[in-house]
Protein backbone atom coordinates (compact mmCIF):
# COMPACT_ATOMS: atom_id res chain seq x y z
CA MET A 1 -140.13 -94.18 28.61
CA ILE A 2 -138.79 -97.60 27.65
CA THR A 3 -138.40 -100.24 30.35
CA GLY A 4 -137.96 -103.98 30.05
CA TYR A 5 -135.22 -104.17 27.42
CA ASP A 6 -132.13 -106.28 26.76
CA ALA A 7 -128.83 -104.88 25.52
CA ILE A 8 -126.19 -106.13 23.11
CA ILE A 9 -122.83 -104.37 23.16
CA LEU A 10 -120.61 -104.97 20.13
CA ALA A 11 -116.98 -105.24 21.23
CA GLY A 12 -115.44 -107.57 18.67
CA GLY A 13 -113.52 -105.28 16.32
CA ARG A 14 -109.82 -105.37 15.56
CA GLY A 15 -109.13 -101.67 16.17
CA ALA A 16 -107.08 -101.58 12.95
CA ARG A 17 -107.60 -97.86 12.35
CA LEU A 18 -106.25 -97.21 15.84
CA GLY A 19 -103.14 -99.32 15.44
CA ALA A 20 -104.80 -102.53 16.74
CA PRO A 21 -105.44 -101.74 20.41
CA SER A 22 -108.41 -103.31 22.12
CA LYS A 23 -111.09 -100.62 21.67
CA PRO A 24 -113.17 -101.87 24.60
CA ASP A 25 -110.12 -101.49 26.85
CA LEU A 26 -109.23 -97.94 25.73
CA HIS A 27 -109.64 -95.32 28.44
CA VAL A 28 -111.52 -92.05 27.97
CA ALA A 29 -111.64 -89.60 30.87
CA GLY A 30 -110.26 -92.32 33.14
CA ARG A 31 -112.87 -94.93 32.23
CA ARG A 32 -112.60 -98.02 30.06
CA MET A 33 -114.76 -97.68 26.93
CA LEU A 34 -116.52 -100.97 27.64
CA ASP A 35 -117.34 -99.80 31.17
CA ILE A 36 -118.98 -96.68 29.70
CA ALA A 37 -121.14 -98.87 27.43
CA LEU A 38 -121.99 -101.21 30.32
CA ALA A 39 -123.06 -98.25 32.46
CA ALA A 40 -125.19 -96.94 29.58
CA ALA A 41 -126.97 -100.29 29.39
CA GLY A 42 -127.09 -100.70 33.16
CA SER A 43 -130.89 -100.78 33.47
CA ALA A 44 -131.27 -103.56 30.86
CA ASN A 45 -132.78 -106.86 31.92
CA ARG A 46 -129.79 -108.67 30.43
CA ILE A 47 -126.59 -107.44 28.79
CA VAL A 48 -124.66 -109.44 26.20
CA VAL A 49 -121.17 -108.32 25.17
CA VAL A 50 -120.01 -109.72 21.85
CA GLY A 51 -116.21 -109.85 21.80
CA ASP A 52 -113.10 -111.27 23.43
CA VAL A 53 -113.02 -108.99 26.45
CA ASP A 54 -113.39 -109.37 30.21
CA VAL A 55 -116.91 -108.64 31.48
CA PRO A 56 -118.48 -108.55 34.95
CA ASP A 57 -120.10 -111.73 36.26
CA HIS A 58 -123.67 -110.50 35.61
CA VAL A 59 -122.95 -109.88 31.90
CA LEU A 60 -123.20 -112.59 29.23
CA ARG A 61 -120.30 -112.80 26.78
CA THR A 62 -120.20 -114.45 23.37
CA ARG A 63 -118.26 -114.24 20.10
CA GLU A 64 -119.43 -113.63 16.59
CA GLU A 65 -119.02 -116.21 13.82
CA PRO A 66 -116.80 -115.79 12.04
CA VAL A 67 -114.58 -113.98 14.54
CA PHE A 68 -114.13 -110.37 13.37
CA GLY A 69 -117.15 -110.96 11.11
CA GLY A 70 -118.45 -107.43 11.61
CA PRO A 71 -121.44 -105.85 13.29
CA VAL A 72 -124.10 -108.01 11.61
CA ALA A 73 -122.35 -111.19 12.78
CA GLY A 74 -122.03 -109.58 16.23
CA LEU A 75 -125.72 -108.75 16.33
CA ALA A 76 -126.62 -112.31 15.30
CA ALA A 77 -124.38 -113.74 18.04
CA GLY A 78 -125.86 -111.40 20.63
CA LEU A 79 -129.42 -112.29 19.68
CA ALA A 80 -128.56 -116.01 19.83
CA ALA A 81 -127.31 -115.53 23.40
CA LEU A 82 -130.69 -114.09 24.43
CA THR A 83 -132.81 -117.23 24.68
CA SER A 84 -136.02 -115.31 25.37
CA PRO A 85 -135.42 -111.68 24.42
CA ALA A 86 -137.27 -108.77 25.95
CA GLU A 87 -139.68 -106.76 23.81
CA TRP A 88 -137.04 -104.05 23.23
CA LEU A 89 -133.36 -104.32 22.37
CA LEU A 90 -130.61 -101.75 22.85
CA LEU A 91 -127.81 -102.24 20.32
CA LEU A 92 -124.67 -100.36 21.30
CA ALA A 93 -121.06 -100.19 20.11
CA CYS A 94 -118.37 -100.38 22.78
CA ASP A 95 -116.44 -97.35 21.53
CA LEU A 96 -118.87 -94.49 22.17
CA PRO A 97 -117.64 -92.08 24.84
CA ASP A 98 -121.06 -90.37 25.12
CA ALA A 99 -123.09 -93.58 25.26
CA GLU A 100 -124.63 -92.90 28.65
CA ALA A 101 -126.20 -89.61 27.56
CA ALA A 102 -127.37 -91.05 24.22
CA VAL A 103 -129.01 -94.08 25.83
CA ALA A 104 -130.65 -91.95 28.52
CA ARG A 105 -132.21 -89.80 25.77
CA LEU A 106 -133.45 -92.88 23.90
CA LEU A 107 -134.99 -94.47 26.97
CA THR A 108 -136.65 -91.23 28.04
CA ALA A 109 -138.00 -90.45 24.56
CA GLY A 110 -139.60 -93.86 24.23
CA PRO A 111 -140.40 -95.53 20.92
CA THR A 112 -139.91 -93.23 17.97
CA ARG A 113 -138.93 -93.55 14.34
CA SER A 114 -135.95 -91.25 14.93
CA MET A 115 -132.92 -92.93 16.48
CA THR A 116 -129.41 -91.60 16.96
CA ALA A 117 -126.31 -92.97 15.29
CA SER A 118 -124.84 -93.58 18.75
CA ALA A 119 -127.32 -96.17 19.91
CA CYS A 120 -130.32 -97.99 18.56
CA LEU A 121 -133.33 -99.06 20.55
CA THR A 122 -135.70 -101.18 18.52
CA PRO A 123 -138.33 -103.85 19.00
CA THR A 124 -136.66 -107.25 19.21
CA ALA A 125 -139.40 -108.74 17.03
CA VAL A 126 -140.82 -106.63 14.26
CA SER A 127 -143.42 -107.16 11.58
CA SER A 128 -142.05 -108.25 8.22
CA GLY A 129 -144.57 -106.20 6.30
CA SER A 130 -147.34 -107.64 4.18
CA LEU A 131 -146.50 -111.22 5.12
CA GLY A 132 -147.84 -110.56 8.61
CA ALA A 133 -145.06 -112.68 10.11
CA THR A 134 -142.94 -111.67 13.04
CA GLY A 135 -139.22 -112.32 13.09
CA PRO A 136 -135.99 -111.25 14.69
CA LEU A 137 -134.71 -107.68 14.46
CA HIS A 138 -134.63 -106.35 10.88
CA SER A 139 -132.91 -103.18 9.76
């Protein structure tokens, strides 16, 4: 079981394929998509939401550079907001209606090489191979 992790929730997209609504603010089964993602990451030490969306007081919020720069820019912005990241990082999109179940499975399973497409739990610092150096999350 994984404990002691931080979470980054990517919520900075345009929603163009949906006719430009705010994906984090869409409702599924009576709940805002962002609230589902926040609940999924609820046991994280710290949660960072990357996007222009309202978040609860206990959640950090930042924007990617450039704005609408995509998930890699969002991940970079989220990592920059975590001044001293935990050993593990949960990376989650804001538009996953089954995020709570997926994250629960990941946390219960613990570290494995097999991750779902819904959520990714990975060491925040990983080895960069034969160089023996440690650096920020690589994929």
